Amino acid sequence: MRVLTKWKDLPAFGSKEEEIAFWKQTALDPRLMNGSMLKNDNRDSTTITLRFDPRMLARIKRLARSRYLNYQSMIKQWLSERIEKET
């Protein structure tokens, strides 16, 4: 299995089948995902508490792990995308 180490090496796919075949033989280097996460360096943030069903939280964590993301960052990204869609 080959490992994709640079985003520029990601080809343009002509079809869904090409993309499926590519990803069956290719894995992402975890450092690519870590480098693409948004940095929150100069912003203030507020801590909140959300209550989740344990099974739902476990599913969210598994999904985040499969994408090499922190689950809290992924939730914030989802919320941000939804806010943009709503406004």
C-alpha atoms as a PDB file:
ATOM      1  CA  MET A   1       0.000   0.000   0.000  1.00  0.00           C
ATOM      2  CA  ARG A   2       1.357   3.410  -0.878  1.00  0.00           C
ATOM      3  CA  VAL A   3       1.137   6.396   1.462  1.00  0.00           C
ATOM      4  CA  LEU A   4       0.131   9.865   0.286  1.00  0.00           C
ATOM      5  CA  THR A   5       2.519  12.331   1.921  1.00  0.00           C
ATOM      6  CA  LYS A   6       1.736  15.519  -0.047  1.00  0.00           C
ATOM      7  CA  TRP A   7      -1.641  16.929  -1.004  1.00  0.00           C
ATOM      8  CA  LYS A   8      -0.264  17.950  -4.391  1.00  0.00           C
ATOM      9  CA  ASP A   9       0.235  14.253  -5.213  1.00  0.00           C
ATOM     10  CA  LEU A  10      -3.515  13.655  -5.004  1.00  0.00           C
ATOM     11  CA  PRO A  11      -4.678  13.076  -8.601  1.00  0.00           C
ATOM     12  CA  ALA A  12      -7.764  14.477 -10.282  1.00  0.00           C
ATOM     13  CA  PHE A  13     -10.175  11.579 -10.643  1.00  0.00           C
ATOM     14  CA  GLY A  14     -12.088  11.047 -13.847  1.00  0.00           C
ATOM     15  CA  SER A  15     -14.722   8.872 -12.238  1.00  0.00           C
ATOM     16  CA  LYS A  16     -15.921   7.578  -8.915  1.00  0.00           C
ATOM     17  CA  GLU A  17     -14.509   4.160  -9.806  1.00  0.00           C
ATOM     18  CA  GLU A  18     -11.023   5.657 -10.312  1.00  0.00           C
ATOM     19  CA  GLU A  19     -11.215   7.329  -6.930  1.00  0.00           C
ATOM     20  CA  ILE A  20     -12.348   4.113  -5.223  1.00  0.00           C
ATOM     21  CA  ALA A  21      -9.493   2.161  -6.827  1.00  0.00           C
ATOM     22  CA  PHE A  22      -6.993   4.833  -5.768  1.00  0.00           C
ATOM     23  CA  TRP A  23      -8.086   4.860  -2.116  1.00  0.00           C
ATOM     24  CA  LYS A  24      -8.099   1.050  -1.945  1.00  0.00           C
ATOM     25  CA  GLN A  25      -4.357   1.176  -2.654  1.00  0.00           C
ATOM     26  CA  THR A  26      -3.458   4.433  -0.877  1.00  0.00           C
ATOM     27  CA  ALA A  27      -3.413   5.614   2.720  1.00  0.00           C
ATOM     28  CA  LEU A  28      -2.984   9.149   4.034  1.00  0.00           C
ATOM     29  CA  ASP A  29       0.039  10.035   6.087  1.00  0.00           C
ATOM     30  CA  PRO A  30      -1.430  11.166   9.456  1.00  0.00           C
ATOM     31  CA  ARG A  31       0.807  14.252   9.369  1.00  0.00           C
ATOM     32  CA  LEU A  32      -1.206  15.520   6.388  1.00  0.00           C
ATOM     33  CA  MET A  33      -4.358  15.628   8.475  1.00  0.00           C
ATOM     34  CA  ASN A  34      -2.622  17.177  11.471  1.00  0.00           C
ATOM     35  CA  GLY A  35      -1.198  19.926   9.274  1.00  0.00           C
ATOM     36  CA  SER A  36      -4.584  20.701   7.765  1.00  0.00           C
ATOM     37  CA  MET A  37      -6.396  21.295  11.041  1.00  0.00           C
ATOM     38  CA  LEU A  38      -7.372  24.853  11.729  1.00  0.00           C
ATOM     39  CA  LYS A  39      -5.216  26.545  14.311  1.00  0.00           C
ATOM     40  CA  ASN A  40      -6.931  28.528  17.013  1.00  0.00           C
ATOM     41  CA  ASP A  41      -3.869  30.566  18.041  1.00  0.00           C
ATOM     42  CA  ASN A  42      -5.104  34.091  18.635  1.00  0.00           C
ATOM     43  CA  ARG A  43      -8.782  33.610  19.321  1.00  0.00           C
ATOM     44  CA  ASP A  44     -10.522  33.560  22.645  1.00  0.00           C
ATOM     45  CA  SER A  45     -12.637  30.526  23.257  1.00  0.00           C
ATOM     46  CA  THR A  46     -15.390  29.690  25.681  1.00  0.00           C
ATOM     47  CA  THR A  47     -15.804  26.309  27.283  1.00  0.00           C
ATOM     48  CA  ILE A  48     -19.283  24.812  27.153  1.00  0.00           C
ATOM     49  CA  THR A  49     -20.773  21.525  28.257  1.00  0.00           C
ATOM     50  CA  LEU A  50     -22.805  19.307  25.942  1.00  0.00           C
ATOM     51  CA  ARG A  51     -24.459  16.075  26.981  1.00  0.00           C
ATOM     52  CA  PHE A  52     -24.298  13.249  24.442  1.00  0.00           C
ATOM     53  CA  ASP A  53     -25.723   9.791  24.442  1.00  0.00           C
ATOM     54  CA  PRO A  54     -22.645   7.574  25.080  1.00  0.00           C
ATOM     55  CA  ARG A  55     -23.282   5.557  21.915  1.00  0.00           C
ATOM     56  CA  MET A  56     -23.501   8.697  19.800  1.00  0.00           C
ATOM     57  CA  LEU A  57     -20.274  10.045  21.271  1.00  0.00           C
ATOM     58  CA  ALA A  58     -18.534   6.728  20.628  1.00  0.00           C
ATOM     59  CA  ARG A  59     -19.658   6.879  16.982  1.00  0.00           C
ATOM     60  CA  ILE A  60     -18.404  10.459  16.652  1.00  0.00           C
ATOM     61  CA  LYS A  61     -15.034   9.499  18.149  1.00  0.00           C
ATOM     62  CA  ARG A  62     -14.669   6.529  15.785  1.00  0.00           C
ATOM     63  CA  LEU A  63     -15.514   8.703  12.801  1.00  0.00           C
ATOM     64  CA  ALA A  64     -13.028  11.368  13.882  1.00  0.00           C
ATOM     65  CA  ARG A  65     -10.314   8.765  14.448  1.00  0.00           C
ATOM     66  CA  SER A  66     -10.873   7.347  10.962  1.00  0.00           C
ATOM     67  CA  ARG A  67     -10.253  10.861   9.606  1.00  0.00           C
ATOM     68  CA  TYR A  68      -7.204  11.434  11.829  1.00  0.00           C
ATOM     69  CA  LEU A  69      -8.994  14.269  13.619  1.00  0.00           C
ATOM     70  CA  ASN A  70      -9.623  15.185  17.223  1.00  0.00           C
ATOM     71  CA  TYR A  71     -13.336  14.573  17.821  1.00  0.00           C
ATOM     72  CA  GLN A  72     -13.860  17.972  19.453  1.00  0.00           C
ATOM     73  CA  SER A  73     -12.240  19.740  16.498  1.00  0.00           C
ATOM     74  CA  MET A  74     -14.411  17.755  14.116  1.00  0.00           C
ATOM     75  CA  ILE A  75     -17.575  18.744  16.010  1.00  0.00           C
ATOM     76  CA  LYS A  76     -16.501  22.415  15.880  1.00  0.00           C
ATOM     77  CA  GLN A  77     -15.857  22.076  12.158  1.00  0.00           C
ATOM     78  CA  TRP A  78     -19.328  20.557  11.631  1.00  0.00           C
ATOM     79  CA  LEU A  79     -20.948  23.373  13.601  1.00  0.00           C
ATOM     80  CA  SER A  80     -19.026  26.001  11.658  1.00  0.00           C
ATOM     81  CA  GLU A  81     -20.049  24.468   8.328  1.00  0.00           C
ATOM     82  CA  ARG A  82     -23.682  24.306   9.408  1.00  0.00           C
ATOM     83  CA  ILE A  83     -23.671  27.924  10.560  1.00  0.00           C
ATOM     84  CA  GLU A  84     -22.297  28.975   7.168  1.00  0.00           C
ATOM     85  CA  LYS A  85     -24.998  26.951   5.425  1.00  0.00           C
ATOM     86  CA  GLU A  86     -27.754  28.487   7.555  1.00  0.00           C
ATOM     87  CA  THR A  87     -26.637  32.087   7.083  1.00  0.00           C
END
